[in-house]
């Protein structure tokens, strides 16, 4: 905020402010800051993407898709935008799995050594589970596939705390470890990992 007082129209500072609001759980404020950044610099792809992520939080999936598509047109190599678009499409009922997978594949092709690509892929795969007892085997398969993604994220970045937390959680869910001891181990290594505390 101090820097914005000195440079009130700086789109890069406004973009950082939008991220800060989003992390703090204030999507409306994030959207306002991102919109100001876009008004100042319409070609700023990351500002369009952060506005898209803010719209996801308020369940404006149509507006989010417009924003992220614009981000990708402006900057086709922006890997995080493909991940965001996959997340938006996964949130929309009726979206074919293949459409989501194409965005995940594009992200992976561009940055195969980016741990966030693998982590978010794992999250989206696990989110496909159906809460129906008759689909138990399919759900286990999805969890195992997501587990492989977390393993890859950890291979690329051994310090990725959230990947460790979700790996432990999925291992428990598929029956590879019978207790919560593994999650406690993650907390011991990464005491500030909110996901590990949540799932334990």
C-alpha atoms as a PDB file:
ATOM      1  CA  UNK A   1       0.000   0.000   0.000  1.00  0.00           C
ATOM      2  CA  UNK A   2       2.861   2.376   0.746  1.00  0.00           C
ATOM      3  CA  UNK A   3       4.329   1.830  -2.729  1.00  0.00           C
ATOM      4  CA  UNK A   4       0.904   2.333  -4.307  1.00  0.00           C
ATOM      5  CA  UNK A   5       0.643   5.691  -2.563  1.00  0.00           C
ATOM      6  CA  UNK A   6       3.868   6.659  -4.305  1.00  0.00           C
ATOM      7  CA  UNK A   7       2.936   5.008  -7.641  1.00  0.00           C
ATOM      8  CA  UNK A   8      -0.874   4.756  -7.579  1.00  0.00           C
ATOM      9  CA  UNK A   9      -1.328   3.686 -11.190  1.00  0.00           C
ATOM     10  CA  UNK A  10       1.441   1.102 -11.391  1.00  0.00           C
ATOM     11  CA  UNK A  11      -0.171  -2.041 -12.921  1.00  0.00           C
ATOM     12  CA  UNK A  12       2.489  -4.371 -11.537  1.00  0.00           C
ATOM     13  CA  UNK A  13       1.962  -3.138  -7.980  1.00  0.00           C
ATOM     14  CA  UNK A  14      -1.806  -3.378  -8.464  1.00  0.00           C
ATOM     15  CA  UNK A  15      -1.347  -6.969  -9.641  1.00  0.00           C
ATOM     16  CA  UNK A  16       0.658  -7.783  -6.506  1.00  0.00           C
ATOM     17  CA  UNK A  17      -2.006  -6.129  -4.395  1.00  0.00           C
ATOM     18  CA  UNK A  18      -4.661  -8.279  -6.095  1.00  0.00           C
ATOM     19  CA  UNK A  19      -2.690 -11.442  -5.234  1.00  0.00           C
ATOM     20  CA  UNK A  20      -2.366 -10.257  -1.645  1.00  0.00           C
ATOM     21  CA  UNK A  21      -6.119  -9.713  -1.356  1.00  0.00           C
ATOM     22  CA  UNK A  22      -6.820 -13.118  -2.883  1.00  0.00           C
ATOM     23  CA  UNK A  23      -4.482 -14.909  -0.475  1.00  0.00           C
ATOM     24  CA  UNK A  24      -6.228 -13.141   2.411  1.00  0.00           C
ATOM     25  CA  UNK A  25      -9.614 -14.359   1.190  1.00  0.00           C
ATOM     26  CA  UNK A  26     -10.860 -11.038  -0.201  1.00  0.00           C
ATOM     27  CA  UNK A  27     -11.794 -11.836  -3.834  1.00  0.00           C
ATOM     28  CA  UNK A  28     -13.888  -8.701  -4.381  1.00  0.00           C
ATOM     29  CA  UNK A  29     -10.970  -6.450  -3.418  1.00  0.00           C
ATOM     30  CA  UNK A  30      -8.671  -8.608  -5.548  1.00  0.00           C
ATOM     31  CA  UNK A  31     -10.955  -8.117  -8.551  1.00  0.00           C
ATOM     32  CA  UNK A  32     -10.966  -4.354  -8.078  1.00  0.00           C
ATOM     33  CA  UNK A  33      -7.170  -4.181  -7.945  1.00  0.00           C
ATOM     34  CA  UNK A  34      -6.794  -6.499 -10.958  1.00  0.00           C
ATOM     35  CA  UNK A  35      -9.335  -4.444 -12.920  1.00  0.00           C
ATOM     36  CA  UNK A  36      -7.392  -1.254 -12.201  1.00  0.00           C
ATOM     37  CA  UNK A  37      -4.215  -2.977 -13.414  1.00  0.00           C
ATOM     38  CA  UNK A  38      -5.975  -4.064 -16.626  1.00  0.00           C
ATOM     39  CA  UNK A  39      -7.378  -0.589 -17.215  1.00  0.00           C
ATOM     40  CA  UNK A  40      -3.878   0.821 -16.931  1.00  0.00           C
ATOM     41  CA  UNK A  41      -2.213  -1.913 -18.997  1.00  0.00           C
ATOM     42  CA  UNK A  42      -4.764  -3.956 -21.025  1.00  0.00           C
ATOM     43  CA  UNK A  43      -2.048  -6.290 -22.352  1.00  0.00           C
ATOM     44  CA  UNK A  44      -0.998  -7.420 -18.842  1.00  0.00           C
ATOM     45  CA  UNK A  45      -1.803 -11.143 -19.049  1.00  0.00           C
ATOM     46  CA  UNK A  46      -1.148 -11.928 -15.390  1.00  0.00           C
ATOM     47  CA  UNK A  47      -3.634  -9.276 -14.295  1.00  0.00           C
ATOM     48  CA  UNK A  48      -6.311 -10.961 -16.409  1.00  0.00           C
ATOM     49  CA  UNK A  49      -5.413 -14.285 -14.829  1.00  0.00           C
ATOM     50  CA  UNK A  50      -5.560 -13.028 -11.249  1.00  0.00           C
ATOM     51  CA  UNK A  51      -8.953 -11.499 -11.975  1.00  0.00           C
ATOM     52  CA  UNK A  52     -10.022 -14.893 -13.331  1.00  0.00           C
ATOM     53  CA  UNK A  53      -8.869 -16.581 -10.113  1.00  0.00           C
ATOM     54  CA  UNK A  54     -10.768 -13.979  -8.099  1.00  0.00           C
ATOM     55  CA  UNK A  55     -13.921 -14.672 -10.105  1.00  0.00           C
ATOM     56  CA  UNK A  56     -13.565 -18.398  -9.340  1.00  0.00           C
ATOM     57  CA  UNK A  57     -13.817 -17.581  -5.631  1.00  0.00           C
ATOM     58  CA  UNK A  58     -17.182 -15.859  -6.155  1.00  0.00           C
ATOM     59  CA  UNK A  59     -18.316 -18.626  -8.561  1.00  0.00           C
ATOM     60  CA  UNK A  60     -18.449 -16.355 -11.602  1.00  0.00           C
ATOM     61  CA  UNK A  61     -17.114 -19.100 -13.857  1.00  0.00           C
ATOM     62  CA  UNK A  62     -18.247 -17.466 -17.101  1.00  0.00           C
ATOM     63  CA  UNK A  63     -16.396 -14.236 -16.311  1.00  0.00           C
ATOM     64  CA  UNK A  64     -13.388 -16.202 -15.078  1.00  0.00           C
ATOM     65  CA  UNK A  65     -13.208 -18.140 -18.346  1.00  0.00           C
ATOM     66  CA  UNK A  66     -13.339 -14.912 -20.372  1.00  0.00           C
ATOM     67  CA  UNK A  67     -10.500 -13.437 -18.325  1.00  0.00           C
ATOM     68  CA  UNK A  68      -8.250 -16.476 -18.496  1.00  0.00           C
ATOM     69  CA  UNK A  69      -8.838 -16.930 -22.232  1.00  0.00           C
ATOM     70  CA  UNK A  70      -7.763 -13.326 -22.681  1.00  0.00           C
ATOM     71  CA  UNK A  71      -4.634 -14.003 -20.593  1.00  0.00           C
ATOM     72  CA  UNK A  72      -3.731 -16.963 -22.804  1.00  0.00           C
ATOM     73  CA  UNK A  73      -4.292 -14.997 -26.023  1.00  0.00           C
ATOM     74  CA  UNK A  74      -2.024 -12.257 -24.700  1.00  0.00           C
ATOM     75  CA  UNK A  75       0.650 -14.648 -23.455  1.00  0.00           C
ATOM     76  CA  UNK A  76       0.361 -18.205 -24.845  1.00  0.00           C
ATOM     77  CA  UNK A  77       3.299 -19.392 -22.746  1.00  0.00           C
ATOM     78  CA  UNK A  78       1.741 -18.449 -19.391  1.00  0.00           C
ATOM     79  CA  UNK A  79       1.583 -21.901 -17.787  1.00  0.00           C
ATOM     80  CA  UNK A  80      -0.407 -20.848 -14.724  1.00  0.00           C
ATOM     81  CA  UNK A  81      -3.197 -19.607 -17.005  1.00  0.00           C
ATOM     82  CA  UNK A  82      -3.692 -23.099 -18.470  1.00  0.00           C
ATOM     83  CA  UNK A  83      -3.906 -24.511 -14.954  1.00  0.00           C
ATOM     84  CA  UNK A  84      -6.425 -21.836 -14.011  1.00  0.00           C
ATOM     85  CA  UNK A  85      -8.509 -22.580 -17.104  1.00  0.00           C
ATOM     86  CA  UNK A  86      -8.478 -26.289 -16.259  1.00  0.00           C
ATOM     87  CA  UNK A  87      -9.696 -25.439 -12.756  1.00  0.00           C
ATOM     88  CA  UNK A  88     -12.502 -23.261 -14.142  1.00  0.00           C
ATOM     89  CA  UNK A  89     -13.618 -25.924 -16.584  1.00  0.00           C
ATOM     90  CA  UNK A  90     -13.537 -28.572 -13.858  1.00  0.00           C
ATOM     91  CA  UNK A  91     -15.902 -26.389 -11.826  1.00  0.00           C
ATOM     92  CA  UNK A  92     -18.414 -26.150 -14.663  1.00  0.00           C
ATOM     93  CA  UNK A  93     -20.884 -29.013 -14.837  1.00  0.00           C
ATOM     94  CA  UNK A  94     -20.933 -30.881 -18.129  1.00  0.00           C
ATOM     95  CA  UNK A  95     -17.343 -30.113 -19.129  1.00  0.00           C
ATOM     96  CA  UNK A  96     -15.755 -33.145 -20.772  1.00  0.00           C
ATOM     97  CA  UNK A  97     -12.712 -34.555 -19.007  1.00  0.00           C
ATOM     98  CA  UNK A  98     -10.736 -34.456 -22.258  1.00  0.00           C
ATOM     99  CA  UNK A  99     -11.139 -30.670 -22.493  1.00  0.00           C
ATOM    100  CA  UNK A 100      -9.686 -30.239 -19.005  1.00  0.00           C
ATOM    101  CA  UNK A 101      -6.875 -32.682 -19.732  1.00  0.00           C
ATOM    102  CA  UNK A 102      -5.797 -30.697 -22.800  1.00  0.00           C
ATOM    103  CA  UNK A 103      -5.071 -27.664 -20.642  1.00  0.00           C
ATOM    104  CA  UNK A 104      -3.179 -29.801 -18.127  1.00  0.00           C
ATOM    105  CA  UNK A 105      -1.159 -31.311 -20.971  1.00  0.00           C
ATOM    106  CA  UNK A 106      -0.330 -27.880 -22.400  1.00  0.00           C
ATOM    107  CA  UNK A 107       0.936 -26.759 -18.995  1.00  0.00           C
ATOM    108  CA  UNK A 108       3.018 -29.906 -18.563  1.00  0.00           C
ATOM    109  CA  UNK A 109       4.522 -29.638 -22.058  1.00  0.00           C
ATOM    110  CA  UNK A 110       5.613 -26.066 -21.419  1.00  0.00           C
ATOM    111  CA  UNK A 111       7.071 -26.565 -17.935  1.00  0.00           C
ATOM    112  CA  UNK A 112       7.499 -30.270 -17.093  1.00  0.00           C
ATOM    113  CA  UNK A 113       9.755 -29.394 -14.162  1.00  0.00           C
ATOM    114  CA  UNK A 114       7.306 -26.970 -12.551  1.00  0.00           C
ATOM    115  CA  UNK A 115       6.061 -28.621  -9.313  1.00  0.00           C
ATOM    116  CA  UNK A 116       2.877 -26.547  -9.319  1.00  0.00           C
ATOM    117  CA  UNK A 117       1.883 -28.096 -12.640  1.00  0.00           C
ATOM    118  CA  UNK A 118       1.996 -31.556 -11.072  1.00  0.00           C
ATOM    119  CA  UNK A 119       0.408 -30.490  -7.791  1.00  0.00           C
ATOM    120  CA  UNK A 120      -2.594 -28.816  -9.397  1.00  0.00           C
ATOM    121  CA  UNK A 121      -2.985 -31.712 -11.824  1.00  0.00           C
ATOM    122  CA  UNK A 122      -3.217 -34.019  -8.813  1.00  0.00           C
ATOM    123  CA  UNK A 123      -5.881 -31.817  -7.233  1.00  0.00           C
ATOM    124  CA  UNK A 124      -8.006 -31.727 -10.385  1.00  0.00           C
ATOM    125  CA  UNK A 125      -7.774 -35.493 -10.898  1.00  0.00           C
ATOM    126  CA  UNK A 126      -8.841 -36.175  -7.293  1.00  0.00           C
ATOM    127  CA  UNK A 127     -11.741 -33.731  -7.668  1.00  0.00           C
ATOM    128  CA  UNK A 128     -13.309 -36.011 -10.305  1.00  0.00           C
ATOM    129  CA  UNK A 129     -14.338 -38.535  -7.670  1.00  0.00           C
ATOM    130  CA  UNK A 130     -18.024 -39.431  -7.501  1.00  0.00           C
ATOM    131  CA  UNK A 131     -19.598 -39.835  -4.068  1.00  0.00           C
ATOM    132  CA  UNK A 132     -21.347 -43.065  -4.909  1.00  0.00           C
ATOM    133  CA  UNK A 133     -20.483 -46.444  -3.316  1.00  0.00           C
ATOM    134  CA  UNK A 134     -20.825 -48.172  -6.692  1.00  0.00           C
ATOM    135  CA  UNK A 135     -17.943 -46.041  -8.030  1.00  0.00           C
ATOM    136  CA  UNK A 136     -15.484 -47.048  -5.293  1.00  0.00           C
ATOM    137  CA  UNK A 137     -12.995 -48.749  -7.628  1.00  0.00           C
ATOM    138  CA  UNK A 138     -13.006 -45.803 -10.047  1.00  0.00           C
ATOM    139  CA  UNK A 139     -12.488 -43.389  -7.158  1.00  0.00           C
ATOM    140  CA  UNK A 140      -9.527 -45.405  -5.862  1.00  0.00           C
ATOM    141  CA  UNK A 141      -7.992 -45.285  -9.341  1.00  0.00           C
ATOM    142  CA  UNK A 142      -8.407 -41.496  -9.464  1.00  0.00           C
ATOM    143  CA  UNK A 143      -6.792 -41.160  -6.043  1.00  0.00           C
ATOM    144  CA  UNK A 144      -3.857 -43.309  -7.133  1.00  0.00           C
ATOM    145  CA  UNK A 145      -3.433 -41.192 -10.267  1.00  0.00           C
ATOM    146  CA  UNK A 146      -3.476 -38.014  -8.196  1.00  0.00           C
ATOM    147  CA  UNK A 147      -0.974 -39.582  -5.798  1.00  0.00           C
ATOM    148  CA  UNK A 148       1.425 -40.104  -8.714  1.00  0.00           C
ATOM    149  CA  UNK A 149       1.168 -36.385  -9.501  1.00  0.00           C
ATOM    150  CA  UNK A 150       2.068 -35.403  -5.935  1.00  0.00           C
ATOM    151  CA  UNK A 151       5.012 -37.805  -6.073  1.00  0.00           C
ATOM    152  CA  UNK A 152       6.217 -36.043  -9.213  1.00  0.00           C
ATOM    153  CA  UNK A 153       5.775 -32.601  -7.631  1.00  0.00           C
ATOM    154  CA  UNK A 154       7.943 -33.733  -4.705  1.00  0.00           C
ATOM    155  CA  UNK A 155      10.555 -35.174  -7.067  1.00  0.00           C
ATOM    156  CA  UNK A 156      10.829 -31.786  -8.764  1.00  0.00           C
ATOM    157  CA  UNK A 157      10.667 -29.806  -5.517  1.00  0.00           C
ATOM    158  CA  UNK A 158      11.319 -31.820  -2.314  1.00  0.00           C
ATOM    159  CA  UNK A 159      10.350 -28.756  -0.284  1.00  0.00           C
ATOM    160  CA  UNK A 160       6.797 -28.510  -1.677  1.00  0.00           C
ATOM    161  CA  UNK A 161       4.938 -28.792   1.643  1.00  0.00           C
ATOM    162  CA  UNK A 162       1.427 -28.993   0.169  1.00  0.00           C
ATOM    163  CA  UNK A 163       2.474 -31.843  -2.129  1.00  0.00           C
ATOM    164  CA  UNK A 164       3.810 -33.755   0.893  1.00  0.00           C
ATOM    165  CA  UNK A 165       0.538 -33.132   2.749  1.00  0.00           C
ATOM    166  CA  UNK A 166      -1.650 -34.305  -0.113  1.00  0.00           C
ATOM    167  CA  UNK A 167       0.581 -37.313  -0.834  1.00  0.00           C
ATOM    168  CA  UNK A 168       0.157 -38.417   2.776  1.00  0.00           C
ATOM    169  CA  UNK A 169      -3.607 -37.792   2.625  1.00  0.00           C
ATOM    170  CA  UNK A 170      -4.094 -39.778  -0.589  1.00  0.00           C
ATOM    171  CA  UNK A 171      -1.902 -42.618   0.718  1.00  0.00           C
ATOM    172  CA  UNK A 172      -4.220 -42.870   3.726  1.00  0.00           C
ATOM    173  CA  UNK A 173      -7.329 -42.704   1.530  1.00  0.00           C
ATOM    174  CA  UNK A 174      -6.234 -45.543  -0.742  1.00  0.00           C
ATOM    175  CA  UNK A 175      -5.120 -47.696   2.186  1.00  0.00           C
ATOM    176  CA  UNK A 176      -1.364 -47.558   1.675  1.00  0.00           C
ATOM    177  CA  UNK A 177      -0.883 -46.334   5.251  1.00  0.00           C
ATOM    178  CA  UNK A 178      -3.441 -47.147   7.949  1.00  0.00           C
ATOM    179  CA  UNK A 179      -3.064 -44.163  10.287  1.00  0.00           C
ATOM    180  CA  UNK A 180      -2.546 -40.415  10.355  1.00  0.00           C
ATOM    181  CA  UNK A 181       1.077 -40.853  11.448  1.00  0.00           C
ATOM    182  CA  UNK A 182       2.377 -39.847   8.006  1.00  0.00           C
ATOM    183  CA  UNK A 183       0.499 -36.536   8.135  1.00  0.00           C
ATOM    184  CA  UNK A 184       1.949 -35.917  11.572  1.00  0.00           C
ATOM    185  CA  UNK A 185       5.371 -36.453  10.025  1.00  0.00           C
ATOM    186  CA  UNK A 186       4.608 -33.820   7.378  1.00  0.00           C
ATOM    187  CA  UNK A 187       3.601 -31.385  10.127  1.00  0.00           C
ATOM    188  CA  UNK A 188       6.843 -32.124  11.926  1.00  0.00           C
ATOM    189  CA  UNK A 189       8.815 -31.196   8.797  1.00  0.00           C
ATOM    190  CA  UNK A 190       6.556 -28.368   7.611  1.00  0.00           C
ATOM    191  CA  UNK A 191       4.826 -26.980  10.740  1.00  0.00           C
ATOM    192  CA  UNK A 192       3.287 -24.082   8.798  1.00  0.00           C
ATOM    193  CA  UNK A 193       1.610 -26.315   6.190  1.00  0.00           C
ATOM    194  CA  UNK A 194      -2.102 -25.561   6.566  1.00  0.00           C
ATOM    195  CA  UNK A 195      -3.158 -28.484   4.366  1.00  0.00           C
ATOM    196  CA  UNK A 196      -1.415 -31.011   6.596  1.00  0.00           C
ATOM    197  CA  UNK A 197      -3.134 -29.642   9.708  1.00  0.00           C
ATOM    198  CA  UNK A 198      -6.481 -29.551   7.887  1.00  0.00           C
ATOM    199  CA  UNK A 199      -6.389 -33.156   6.699  1.00  0.00           C
ATOM    200  CA  UNK A 200      -5.078 -34.511   9.989  1.00  0.00           C
END
